[in-house]
Protein backbone atom coordinates (compact mmCIF):
# COMPACT_ATOMS: atom_id res chain seq x y z
CA MET A 1 152.57 78.30 147.50
CA ALA A 2 149.98 75.61 147.78
CA ALA A 3 149.96 72.83 145.01
CA THR A 4 148.28 73.01 142.10
CA VAL A 5 144.82 70.92 141.96
CA LEU A 6 142.96 70.43 138.89
CA LEU A 7 139.11 70.01 138.94
CA VAL A 8 137.98 67.88 135.99
CA MET A 9 133.93 68.50 136.11
CA GLY A 10 131.23 67.84 134.16
CA VAL A 11 127.83 65.84 133.89
CA ALA A 12 127.94 61.86 134.09
CA GLY A 13 129.55 60.30 130.78
CA ALA A 14 131.44 63.47 130.00
CA GLY A 15 134.67 61.29 130.37
CA LYS A 16 136.04 63.31 133.42
CA SER A 17 137.22 60.29 134.92
CA THR A 18 139.11 59.12 131.69
CA LEU A 19 140.67 62.37 131.38
CA GLY A 20 141.43 62.98 135.06
CA ALA A 21 143.14 59.70 135.23
CA ALA A 22 145.26 60.47 132.06
CA LEU A 23 146.23 64.12 133.11
CA ALA A 24 147.28 62.85 136.62
CA GLU A 25 149.42 60.18 134.82
CA ARG A 26 150.94 62.35 132.23
CA LEU A 27 151.57 64.97 134.99
CA GLY A 28 152.69 62.33 137.84
CA TRP A 29 150.34 64.03 140.30
CA ALA A 30 147.88 62.17 142.67
CA PHE A 31 144.24 61.33 141.31
CA LEU A 32 141.09 61.11 142.94
CA GLU A 33 137.76 59.78 141.61
CA ALA A 34 135.27 61.73 143.55
CA ASP A 35 132.74 59.16 143.22
CA ASP A 36 134.40 56.94 145.45
CA LEU A 37 133.70 59.60 148.02
CA HIS A 38 130.11 59.14 148.01
CA PRO A 39 128.19 57.93 151.30
CA PRO A 40 126.69 54.76 150.95
CA ALA A 41 123.37 56.62 151.20
CA ASN A 42 123.85 58.59 147.75
CA VAL A 43 125.17 55.55 145.98
CA GLU A 44 121.84 53.56 146.92
CA LYS A 45 119.75 56.55 145.75
CA MET A 46 121.47 57.10 142.51
CA ARG A 47 121.26 53.20 142.24
CA ALA A 48 117.57 53.21 142.71
CA GLY A 49 117.53 56.19 139.70
CA VAL A 50 116.44 59.16 141.98
CA PRO A 51 118.77 62.05 141.36
CA LEU A 52 120.79 63.52 144.22
CA ASP A 53 119.96 67.17 145.59
CA ASP A 54 121.86 69.69 147.19
CA ALA A 55 121.42 68.21 150.86
CA ASP A 56 122.73 64.84 149.19
CA ARG A 57 125.84 66.37 147.86
CA ALA A 58 126.81 68.71 150.88
CA PRO A 59 128.48 65.83 152.59
CA TRP A 60 130.21 64.49 149.60
CA LEU A 61 131.73 67.92 148.34
CA ALA A 62 132.88 68.47 152.15
CA ALA A 63 134.84 64.90 151.94
CA VAL A 64 136.24 65.93 148.50
CA GLY A 65 137.61 69.11 150.25
CA ARG A 66 138.89 67.22 153.15
CA PHE A 67 140.71 65.24 150.38
CA ILE A 68 142.13 67.86 148.45
CA ASP A 69 142.90 69.48 152.30
CA GLY A 70 144.91 66.23 152.73
CA TRP A 71 147.15 67.20 149.50
CA ALA A 72 147.66 70.62 150.34
CA VAL A 73 149.36 69.70 153.81
CA GLU A 74 151.76 67.32 151.91
CA GLY A 75 152.65 69.82 149.07
CA ARG A 76 150.81 67.51 146.55
CA PRO A 77 149.50 68.36 143.49
CA GLY A 78 146.43 66.42 142.13
CA VAL A 79 143.68 65.94 139.55
CA VAL A 80 140.08 65.36 140.81
CA ALA A 81 137.53 64.00 138.58
CA CYS A 82 134.19 65.43 140.20
CA SER A 83 130.88 66.62 138.74
CA ALA A 84 130.81 70.01 140.47
CA LEU A 85 127.80 70.53 138.26
CA LYS A 86 126.61 74.16 139.90
CA ARG A 87 128.96 76.99 140.71
CA ALA A 88 127.94 77.00 144.28
CA TYR A 89 129.60 73.95 144.75
CA ARG A 90 132.81 75.00 142.82
CA ASP A 91 132.86 78.28 144.96
CA THR A 92 132.94 76.14 147.94
CA LEU A 93 135.99 74.26 146.72
CA ARG A 94 137.89 76.92 145.22
CA ALA A 95 137.41 79.36 148.43
CA ALA A 96 139.23 76.60 150.93
CA HIS A 97 141.49 76.01 148.04
CA PRO A 98 142.28 78.77 145.95
CA HIS A 99 144.64 77.38 143.65
CA LEU A 100 142.18 74.91 142.27
CA ARG A 101 142.02 75.02 138.44
CA LEU A 102 138.55 73.94 136.67
CA VAL A 103 138.74 71.46 133.44
CA TYR A 104 135.46 71.50 132.12
CA VAL A 105 134.61 68.58 130.00
CA ALA A 106 131.83 69.69 127.58
CA THR A 107 129.35 67.26 126.12
CA ASP A 108 125.73 66.70 124.84
CA GLU A 109 122.82 65.01 126.25
CA THR A 110 122.76 62.66 123.38
CA LEU A 111 126.93 61.38 124.18
CA ALA A 112 126.34 61.45 127.62
CA HIS A 113 123.36 59.27 127.50
CA ILE A 114 125.36 56.54 125.14
CA ARG A 115 128.47 56.63 127.40
CA VAL A 116 126.61 56.04 130.60
CA GLY A 117 124.27 53.47 128.89
CA ARG A 118 127.53 51.50 128.12
CA ARG A 119 128.97 51.48 131.58
CA ALA A 120 129.21 47.86 133.08
CA ASP A 121 129.37 47.55 136.90
CA HIS A 122 128.66 51.03 137.60
CA TYR A 123 125.42 52.03 140.02
CA TYR A 124 124.67 55.19 138.03
CA PRO A 125 121.95 54.69 135.48
CA ALA A 126 121.40 56.26 132.07
CA SER A 127 118.06 57.36 132.95
CA LEU A 128 119.42 59.99 135.28
CA VAL A 129 121.62 61.85 132.78
CA PRO A 130 118.97 64.14 132.02
CA SER A 131 118.95 65.30 135.97
CA GLN A 132 122.51 66.31 135.35
CA PHE A 133 122.14 68.62 132.57
CA ALA A 134 118.92 70.18 134.40
CA ALA A 135 121.59 70.62 137.48
CA LEU A 136 124.41 71.67 135.04
CA GLU A 137 125.90 75.19 135.47
CA PRO A 138 128.66 75.56 133.03
CA PRO A 139 131.45 77.51 134.34
CA ALA A 140 131.23 81.48 133.65
CA ALA A 141 133.80 83.33 132.14
CA ASP A 142 135.15 84.51 135.18
CA GLU A 143 135.67 81.27 136.56
CA ASP A 144 138.96 80.97 134.21
CA ALA A 145 137.83 77.29 133.18
CA ILE A 146 139.52 74.98 130.61
CA THR A 147 136.85 73.79 128.64
CA VAL A 148 137.56 70.69 126.16
CA ASP A 149 135.29 68.45 123.94
CA ALA A 150 134.06 65.46 125.31
CA ALA A 151 133.85 64.07 121.72
CA GLN A 152 137.62 64.71 120.87
CA PRO A 153 140.09 61.68 121.83
CA THR A 154 141.28 61.76 125.28
CA GLU A 155 144.92 62.45 124.21
CA ALA A 156 143.21 65.51 122.37
CA GLN A 157 142.11 66.68 125.47
CA VAL A 158 145.11 66.08 127.55
CA VAL A 159 147.11 68.17 125.00
CA ALA A 160 144.48 70.69 125.05
CA THR A 161 144.40 71.22 128.71
CA LEU A 162 148.36 71.08 129.51
CA ALA A 163 148.67 73.89 126.76
CA ALA A 164 146.27 75.85 128.53
CA LEU A 165 147.65 75.30 131.77
């Protein structure tokens, strides 16, 4: 059986990186911040305040998939913090990794905007938050996602996620 991979998804500012890192630490699993795999052109586009489109995201999602492939070869479970805003993106990752489990960090635009605006030393500007919500397709019931509330403390999110697993 393949190792489990948790895909912690949601818009910028939802807290997916914080939750993902906390889950990985609690479980003793590997952790990937998918933003680290964006090609330089994507980073520069976002830094300039231009939202990414499907064509921009395709090579990035392929890189995320390859990273998960590496874990699968090693038999390692892991946690990936990745926006995975659209169902098609999640379906692509799940098709190659059937043991991938979604954790959706649900938030509203106000909280996301505040959080992104508070970030120091990050290329992603708060002006792009509305584009995240425009692209977001929350997980449907058949995706069997664990949903946590971004407004809850991280520890409460961890406990809820682990209970749902």
